[in-house]
């Protein structure tokens, strides 16, 4: 009998959504698909992750963090 295995579909534990307009722009942070807070910097993302027991060794590892609407350096509004 031949066993068919499906390819592994990785889902990041942490998702950082695009910049939200505000007097102090921020990004929404989700863990395992649930809203957990807002971040105004990479430090905020790391602190939120730690509060949920997640140690992030590499912010560029897509298995750990998914950046939507920019990368870890995107914290302000884009060009108009």
PDB file of N, CA and C in Angstrom:
ATOM      1  N   UNK A   1       0.852  -1.177   0.000  1.00  0.00           N
ATOM      2  CA  UNK A   1       0.000   0.000   0.000  1.00  0.00           C
ATOM      3  C   UNK A   1       0.899   1.243   0.000  1.00  0.00           C
ATOM      4  N   UNK A   2       0.571   2.171  -0.837  1.00  0.00           N
ATOM      5  CA  UNK A   2       1.332   3.412  -0.919  1.00  0.00           C
ATOM      6  C   UNK A   2       0.660   4.453  -0.050  1.00  0.00           C
ATOM      7  N   UNK A   3       1.455   5.063   0.793  1.00  0.00           N
ATOM      8  CA  UNK A   3       0.922   6.087   1.678  1.00  0.00           C
ATOM      9  C   UNK A   3       1.167   7.456   1.059  1.00  0.00           C
ATOM     10  N   UNK A   4       0.120   8.258   0.989  1.00  0.00           N
ATOM     11  CA  UNK A   4       0.240   9.599   0.437  1.00  0.00           C
ATOM     12  C   UNK A   4       0.255  10.574   1.604  1.00  0.00           C
ATOM     13  N   UNK A   5       1.310  11.351   1.655  1.00  0.00           N
ATOM     14  CA  UNK A   5       1.368  12.347   2.726  1.00  0.00           C
ATOM     15  C   UNK A   5       1.198  13.731   2.110  1.00  0.00           C
ATOM     16  N   UNK A   6       0.495  14.551   2.833  1.00  0.00           N
ATOM     17  CA  UNK A   6       0.292  15.906   2.344  1.00  0.00           C
ATOM     18  C   UNK A   6       1.492  16.757   2.741  1.00  0.00           C
ATOM     19  N   UNK A   7       1.797  17.762   1.942  1.00  0.00           N
ATOM     20  CA  UNK A   7       2.918  18.621   2.284  1.00  0.00           C
ATOM     21  C   UNK A   7       2.621  19.394   3.562  1.00  0.00           C
ATOM     22  N   UNK A   8       3.641  19.663   4.318  1.00  0.00           N
ATOM     23  CA  UNK A   8       3.489  20.402   5.563  1.00  0.00           C
ATOM     24  C   UNK A   8       3.114  21.843   5.236  1.00  0.00           C
ATOM     25  N   UNK A   9       2.063  22.308   5.863  1.00  0.00           N
ATOM     26  CA  UNK A   9       1.648  23.694   5.684  1.00  0.00           C
ATOM     27  C   UNK A   9       1.994  24.431   6.969  1.00  0.00           C
ATOM     28  N   UNK A  10       3.000  25.267   6.882  1.00  0.00           N
ATOM     29  CA  UNK A  10       3.443  25.998   8.061  1.00  0.00           C
ATOM     30  C   UNK A  10       2.548  27.208   8.287  1.00  0.00           C
ATOM     31  N   UNK A  11       2.229  27.432   9.506  1.00  0.00           N
ATOM     32  CA  UNK A  11       1.459  28.604   9.883  1.00  0.00           C
ATOM     33  C   UNK A  11       2.219  29.292  11.003  1.00  0.00           C
ATOM     34  N   UNK A  12       2.524  30.542  10.811  1.00  0.00           N
ATOM     35  CA  UNK A  12       3.256  31.299  11.813  1.00  0.00           C
ATOM     36  C   UNK A  12       2.420  31.439  13.073  1.00  0.00           C
ATOM     37  N   UNK A  13       3.064  31.332  14.220  1.00  0.00           N
ATOM     38  CA  UNK A  13       2.349  31.534  15.481  1.00  0.00           C
ATOM     39  C   UNK A  13       1.971  32.994  15.640  1.00  0.00           C
ATOM     40  N   UNK A  14       2.877  33.883  15.199  1.00  0.00           N
ATOM     41  CA  UNK A  14       2.675  35.319  15.377  1.00  0.00           C
ATOM     42  C   UNK A  14       2.423  35.965  14.015  1.00  0.00           C
ATOM     43  N   UNK A  15       1.374  36.771  13.932  1.00  0.00           N
ATOM     44  CA  UNK A  15       1.110  37.548  12.729  1.00  0.00           C
ATOM     45  C   UNK A  15       1.088  39.016  13.120  1.00  0.00           C
ATOM     46  N   UNK A  16       1.866  39.816  12.394  1.00  0.00           N
ATOM     47  CA  UNK A  16       1.896  41.254  12.626  1.00  0.00           C
ATOM     48  C   UNK A  16       1.267  41.902  11.389  1.00  0.00           C
ATOM     49  N   UNK A  17       0.097  42.500  11.582  1.00  0.00           N
ATOM     50  CA  UNK A  17      -0.649  43.073  10.469  1.00  0.00           C
ATOM     51  C   UNK A  17      -0.104  44.445  10.085  1.00  0.00           C
ATOM     52  N   UNK A  18      -0.584  44.982   8.965  1.00  0.00           N
ATOM     53  CA  UNK A  18      -0.102  46.255   8.429  1.00  0.00           C
ATOM     54  C   UNK A  18      -0.292  47.430   9.361  1.00  0.00           C
ATOM     55  N   UNK A  19       0.418  48.490   9.056  1.00  0.00           N
ATOM     56  CA  UNK A  19       0.385  49.707   9.874  1.00  0.00           C
ATOM     57  C   UNK A  19      -1.009  50.319   9.860  1.00  0.00           C
ATOM     58  N   UNK A  20      -1.495  50.660  11.039  1.00  0.00           N
ATOM     59  CA  UNK A  20      -2.789  51.311  11.210  1.00  0.00           C
ATOM     60  C   UNK A  20      -2.550  52.805  11.407  1.00  0.00           C
ATOM     61  N   UNK A  21      -3.268  53.649  10.662  1.00  0.00           N
ATOM     62  CA  UNK A  21      -3.058  55.086  10.793  1.00  0.00           C
ATOM     63  C   UNK A  21      -3.533  55.582  12.157  1.00  0.00           C
ATOM     64  N   UNK A  22      -2.747  56.434  12.748  1.00  0.00           N
ATOM     65  CA  UNK A  22      -3.053  57.001  14.054  1.00  0.00           C
ATOM     66  C   UNK A  22      -2.045  58.116  14.284  1.00  0.00           C
ATOM     67  N   UNK A  23      -2.237  58.925  15.316  1.00  0.00           N
ATOM     68  CA  UNK A  23      -1.232  59.941  15.604  1.00  0.00           C
ATOM     69  C   UNK A  23       0.099  59.271  15.943  1.00  0.00           C
ATOM     70  N   UNK A  24       0.021  58.062  16.484  1.00  0.00           N
ATOM     71  CA  UNK A  24       1.188  57.202  16.684  1.00  0.00           C
ATOM     72  C   UNK A  24       0.859  55.867  15.994  1.00  0.00           C
ATOM     73  N   UNK A  25       1.269  55.684  14.739  1.00  0.00           N
ATOM     74  CA  UNK A  25       0.913  54.462  14.000  1.00  0.00           C
ATOM     75  C   UNK A  25       1.288  53.193  14.771  1.00  0.00           C
ATOM     76  N   UNK A  26       0.489  52.151  14.561  1.00  0.00           N
ATOM     77  CA  UNK A  26       0.718  50.877  15.258  1.00  0.00           C
ATOM     78  C   UNK A  26       0.368  49.727  14.334  1.00  0.00           C
ATOM     79  N   UNK A  27       0.739  48.532  14.761  1.00  0.00           N
ATOM     80  CA  UNK A  27       0.383  47.322  14.027  1.00  0.00           C
ATOM     81  C   UNK A  27      -0.315  46.363  14.984  1.00  0.00           C
ATOM     82  N   UNK A  28      -1.325  45.692  14.487  1.00  0.00           N
ATOM     83  CA  UNK A  28      -2.064  44.712  15.277  1.00  0.00           C
ATOM     84  C   UNK A  28      -1.273  43.408  15.299  1.00  0.00           C
ATOM     85  N   UNK A  29      -1.234  42.783  16.466  1.00  0.00           N
ATOM     86  CA  UNK A  29      -0.508  41.527  16.633  1.00  0.00           C
ATOM     87  C   UNK A  29      -1.502  40.421  16.977  1.00  0.00           C
ATOM     88  N   UNK A  30      -1.377  39.311  16.264  1.00  0.00           N
ATOM     89  CA  UNK A  30      -2.189  38.119  16.544  1.00  0.00           C
ATOM     90  C   UNK A  30      -1.257  36.964  16.899  1.00  0.00           C
ATOM     91  N   UNK A  31      -1.705  36.134  17.812  1.00  0.00           N
ATOM     92  CA  UNK A  31      -0.994  34.887  18.121  1.00  0.00           C
ATOM     93  C   UNK A  31      -1.983  33.754  17.926  1.00  0.00           C
ATOM     94  N   UNK A  32      -1.584  32.794  17.123  1.00  0.00           N
ATOM     95  CA  UNK A  32      -2.437  31.644  16.788  1.00  0.00           C
ATOM     96  C   UNK A  32      -3.814  32.093  16.291  1.00  0.00           C
ATOM     97  N   UNK A  33      -3.825  33.215  15.537  1.00  0.00           N
ATOM     98  CA  UNK A  33      -5.064  33.711  14.934  1.00  0.00           C
ATOM     99  C   UNK A  33      -5.921  34.581  15.825  1.00  0.00           C
ATOM    100  N   UNK A  34      -5.514  34.789  17.075  1.00  0.00           N
ATOM    101  CA  UNK A  34      -6.287  35.615  18.001  1.00  0.00           C
ATOM    102  C   UNK A  34      -5.617  36.964  18.215  1.00  0.00           C
ATOM    103  N   UNK A  35      -6.423  38.020  18.246  1.00  0.00           N
ATOM    104  CA  UNK A  35      -5.913  39.363  18.549  1.00  0.00           C
ATOM    105  C   UNK A  35      -5.342  39.361  19.965  1.00  0.00           C
ATOM    106  N   UNK A  36      -4.103  39.848  20.105  1.00  0.00           N
ATOM    107  CA  UNK A  36      -3.496  39.895  21.441  1.00  0.00           C
ATOM    108  C   UNK A  36      -2.994  41.279  21.826  1.00  0.00           C
ATOM    109  N   UNK A  37      -2.926  42.197  20.867  1.00  0.00           N
ATOM    110  CA  UNK A  37      -2.477  43.533  21.229  1.00  0.00           C
ATOM    111  C   UNK A  37      -2.000  44.325  20.032  1.00  0.00           C
ATOM    112  N   UNK A  38      -1.414  45.482  20.350  1.00  0.00           N
ATOM    113  CA  UNK A  38      -0.867  46.337  19.312  1.00  0.00           C
ATOM    114  C   UNK A  38       0.604  46.589  19.602  1.00  0.00           C
ATOM    115  N   UNK A  39       1.339  46.857  18.533  1.00  0.00           N
ATOM    116  CA  UNK A  39       2.776  47.106  18.648  1.00  0.00           C
ATOM    117  C   UNK A  39       3.130  48.361  17.882  1.00  0.00           C
ATOM    118  N   UNK A  40       4.055  49.097  18.444  1.00  0.00           N
ATOM    119  CA  UNK A  40       4.578  50.282  17.769  1.00  0.00           C
ATOM    120  C   UNK A  40       6.047  50.105  17.413  1.00  0.00           C
ATOM    121  N   UNK A  41       6.583  48.918  17.741  1.00  0.00           N
ATOM    122  CA  UNK A  41       7.989  48.635  17.451  1.00  0.00           C
ATOM    123  C   UNK A  41       8.224  47.130  17.522  1.00  0.00           C
ATOM    124  N   UNK A  42       9.382  46.716  17.046  1.00  0.00           N
ATOM    125  CA  UNK A  42       9.779  45.307  17.138  1.00  0.00           C
ATOM    126  C   UNK A  42       9.839  44.876  18.607  1.00  0.00           C
ATOM    127  N   UNK A  43      10.299  45.775  19.460  1.00  0.00           N
ATOM    128  CA  UNK A  43      10.382  45.461  20.893  1.00  0.00           C
ATOM    129  C   UNK A  43       9.008  45.089  21.436  1.00  0.00           C
ATOM    130  N   UNK A  44       7.970  45.813  21.018  1.00  0.00           N
ATOM    131  CA  UNK A  44       6.613  45.484  21.457  1.00  0.00           C
ATOM    132  C   UNK A  44       6.210  44.085  21.007  1.00  0.00           C
ATOM    133  N   UNK A  45       6.555  43.725  19.776  1.00  0.00           N
ATOM    134  CA  UNK A  45       6.233  42.391  19.266  1.00  0.00           C
ATOM    135  C   UNK A  45       6.915  41.330  20.129  1.00  0.00           C
ATOM    136  N   UNK A  46       8.180  41.546  20.438  1.00  0.00           N
ATOM    137  CA  UNK A  46       8.920  40.582  21.261  1.00  0.00           C
ATOM    138  C   UNK A  46       8.335  40.487  22.672  1.00  0.00           C
ATOM    139  N   UNK A  47       7.926  41.604  23.245  1.00  0.00           N
ATOM    140  CA  UNK A  47       7.337  41.598  24.582  1.00  0.00           C
ATOM    141  C   UNK A  47       5.988  40.882  24.590  1.00  0.00           C
ATOM    142  N   UNK A  48       5.186  41.104  23.568  1.00  0.00           N
ATOM    143  CA  UNK A  48       3.900  40.411  23.476  1.00  0.00           C
ATOM    144  C   UNK A  48       4.123  38.913  23.338  1.00  0.00           C
ATOM    145  N   UNK A  49       5.057  38.526  22.465  1.00  0.00           N
ATOM    146  CA  UNK A  49       5.360  37.104  22.283  1.00  0.00           C
ATOM    147  C   UNK A  49       5.794  36.473  23.602  1.00  0.00           C
ATOM    148  N   UNK A  50       6.679  37.143  24.320  1.00  0.00           N
ATOM    149  CA  UNK A  50       7.172  36.618  25.599  1.00  0.00           C
ATOM    150  C   UNK A  50       6.040  36.464  26.609  1.00  0.00           C
ATOM    151  N   UNK A  51       5.099  37.405  26.605  1.00  0.00           N
ATOM    152  CA  UNK A  51       3.962  37.327  27.520  1.00  0.00           C
ATOM    153  C   UNK A  51       3.107  36.083  27.261  1.00  0.00           C
ATOM    154  N   UNK A  52       3.167  35.581  26.019  1.00  0.00           N
ATOM    155  CA  UNK A  52       2.423  34.371  25.648  1.00  0.00           C
ATOM    156  C   UNK A  52       3.323  33.139  25.618  1.00  0.00           C
ATOM    157  N   UNK A  53       4.516  33.270  26.177  1.00  0.00           N
ATOM    158  CA  UNK A  53       5.420  32.120  26.287  1.00  0.00           C
ATOM    159  C   UNK A  53       6.152  31.757  25.015  1.00  0.00           C
ATOM    160  N   UNK A  54       6.224  32.681  24.071  1.00  0.00           N
ATOM    161  CA  UNK A  54       6.911  32.415  22.808  1.00  0.00           C
ATOM    162  C   UNK A  54       8.233  33.168  22.791  1.00  0.00           C
ATOM    163  N   UNK A  55       9.313  32.434  22.644  1.00  0.00           N
ATOM    164  CA  UNK A  55      10.625  33.055  22.527  1.00  0.00           C
ATOM    165  C   UNK A  55      10.945  33.151  21.042  1.00  0.00           C
ATOM    166  N   UNK A  56      11.211  34.354  20.573  1.00  0.00           N
ATOM    167  CA  UNK A  56      11.511  34.578  19.163  1.00  0.00           C
ATOM    168  C   UNK A  56      13.019  34.745  19.015  1.00  0.00           C
ATOM    169  N   UNK A  57      13.636  33.820  18.292  1.00  0.00           N
ATOM    170  CA  UNK A  57      15.076  33.889  18.053  1.00  0.00           C
ATOM    171  C   UNK A  57      15.387  34.578  16.731  1.00  0.00           C
ATOM    172  N   UNK A  58      14.443  34.537  15.800  1.00  0.00           N
ATOM    173  CA  UNK A  58      14.683  35.090  14.471  1.00  0.00           C
ATOM    174  C   UNK A  58      13.390  35.717  13.944  1.00  0.00           C
ATOM    175  N   UNK A  59      13.351  37.033  13.909  1.00  0.00           N
ATOM    176  CA  UNK A  59      12.161  37.737  13.425  1.00  0.00           C
ATOM    177  C   UNK A  59      11.923  37.543  11.933  1.00  0.00           C
ATOM    178  N   UNK A  60      12.909  36.992  11.225  1.00  0.00           N
ATOM    179  CA  UNK A  60      12.763  36.742   9.792  1.00  0.00           C
ATOM    180  C   UNK A  60      12.348  35.306   9.488  1.00  0.00           C
ATOM    181  N   UNK A  61      12.109  34.499  10.522  1.00  0.00           N
ATOM    182  CA  UNK A  61      11.696  33.113  10.331  1.00  0.00           C
ATOM    183  C   UNK A  61      10.188  33.067  10.098  1.00  0.00           C
ATOM    184  N   UNK A  62       9.748  32.765   8.870  1.00  0.00           N
ATOM    185  CA  UNK A  62       8.309  32.773   8.572  1.00  0.00           C
ATOM    186  C   UNK A  62       7.513  31.698   9.313  1.00  0.00           C
ATOM    187  N   UNK A  63       8.195  30.719   9.891  1.00  0.00           N
ATOM    188  CA  UNK A  63       7.483  29.737  10.711  1.00  0.00           C
ATOM    189  C   UNK A  63       7.096  30.323  12.067  1.00  0.00           C
ATOM    190  N   UNK A  64       7.732  31.422  12.441  1.00  0.00           N
ATOM    191  CA  UNK A  64       7.477  32.038  13.737  1.00  0.00           C
ATOM    192  C   UNK A  64       6.675  33.329  13.595  1.00  0.00           C
ATOM    193  N   UNK A  65       7.123  34.223  12.695  1.00  0.00           N
ATOM    194  CA  UNK A  65       6.475  35.527  12.536  1.00  0.00           C
ATOM    195  C   UNK A  65       6.114  35.753  11.078  1.00  0.00           C
ATOM    196  N   UNK A  66       4.877  36.150  10.865  1.00  0.00           N
ATOM    197  CA  UNK A  66       4.424  36.530   9.524  1.00  0.00           C
ATOM    198  C   UNK A  66       4.158  38.033   9.540  1.00  0.00           C
ATOM    199  N   UNK A  67       4.847  38.750   8.686  1.00  0.00           N
ATOM    200  CA  UNK A  67       4.697  40.199   8.575  1.00  0.00           C
ATOM    201  C   UNK A  67       3.770  40.503   7.401  1.00  0.00           C
ATOM    202  N   UNK A  68       2.674  41.193   7.654  1.00  0.00           N
ATOM    203  CA  UNK A  68       1.694  41.536   6.626  1.00  0.00           C
ATOM    204  C   UNK A  68       1.747  43.046   6.406  1.00  0.00           C
ATOM    205  N   UNK A  69       1.841  43.464   5.152  1.00  0.00           N
ATOM    206  CA  UNK A  69       1.833  44.893   4.862  1.00  0.00           C
ATOM    207  C   UNK A  69       3.123  45.591   5.230  1.00  0.00           C
ATOM    208  N   UNK A  70       4.209  44.888   5.130  1.00  0.00           N
ATOM    209  CA  UNK A  70       5.511  45.446   5.457  1.00  0.00           C
ATOM    210  C   UNK A  70       6.318  44.442   6.251  1.00  0.00           C
ATOM    211  N   UNK A  71       7.555  44.794   6.534  1.00  0.00           N
ATOM    212  CA  UNK A  71       8.411  43.879   7.285  1.00  0.00           C
ATOM    213  C   UNK A  71       8.671  44.433   8.680  1.00  0.00           C
ATOM    214  N   UNK A  72       9.664  43.883   9.348  1.00  0.00           N
ATOM    215  CA  UNK A  72       9.947  44.287  10.728  1.00  0.00           C
ATOM    216  C   UNK A  72      10.445  45.734  10.826  1.00  0.00           C
ATOM    217  N   UNK A  73      10.776  46.343   9.692  1.00  0.00           N
ATOM    218  CA  UNK A  73      11.234  47.725   9.686  1.00  0.00           C
ATOM    219  C   UNK A  73      10.115  48.716   9.341  1.00  0.00           C
ATOM    220  N   UNK A  74       8.913  48.223   9.078  1.00  0.00           N
ATOM    221  CA  UNK A  74       7.793  49.075   8.654  1.00  0.00           C
ATOM    222  C   UNK A  74       6.924  49.431   9.855  1.00  0.00           C
ATOM    223  N   UNK A  75       7.056  50.682  10.307  1.00  0.00           N
ATOM    224  CA  UNK A  75       6.284  51.115  11.484  1.00  0.00           C
ATOM    225  C   UNK A  75       5.585  52.451  11.268  1.00  0.00           C
ATOM    226  N   UNK A  76       5.648  52.981  10.081  1.00  0.00           N
ATOM    227  CA  UNK A  76       4.972  54.242   9.789  1.00  0.00           C
ATOM    228  C   UNK A  76       4.166  54.120   8.532  1.00  0.00           C
ATOM    229  N   UNK A  77       3.420  55.173   8.207  1.00  0.00           N
ATOM    230  CA  UNK A  77       2.633  55.134   6.973  1.00  0.00           C
ATOM    231  C   UNK A  77       3.533  55.071   5.751  1.00  0.00           C
ATOM    232  N   UNK A  78       3.069  54.392   4.744  1.00  0.00           N
ATOM    233  CA  UNK A  78       3.830  54.269   3.498  1.00  0.00           C
ATOM    234  C   UNK A  78       3.761  55.540   2.682  1.00  0.00           C
ATOM    235  N   UNK A  79       4.430  55.560   1.554  1.00  0.00           N
ATOM    236  CA  UNK A  79       4.398  56.743   0.682  1.00  0.00           C
ATOM    237  C   UNK A  79       2.998  56.950   0.125  1.00  0.00           C
ATOM    238  N   UNK A  80       2.660  58.187  -0.091  1.00  0.00           N
ATOM    239  CA  UNK A  80       1.311  58.515  -0.606  1.00  0.00           C
ATOM    240  C   UNK A  80       1.348  58.741  -2.080  1.00  0.00           C
TER     241      UNK A  80
END
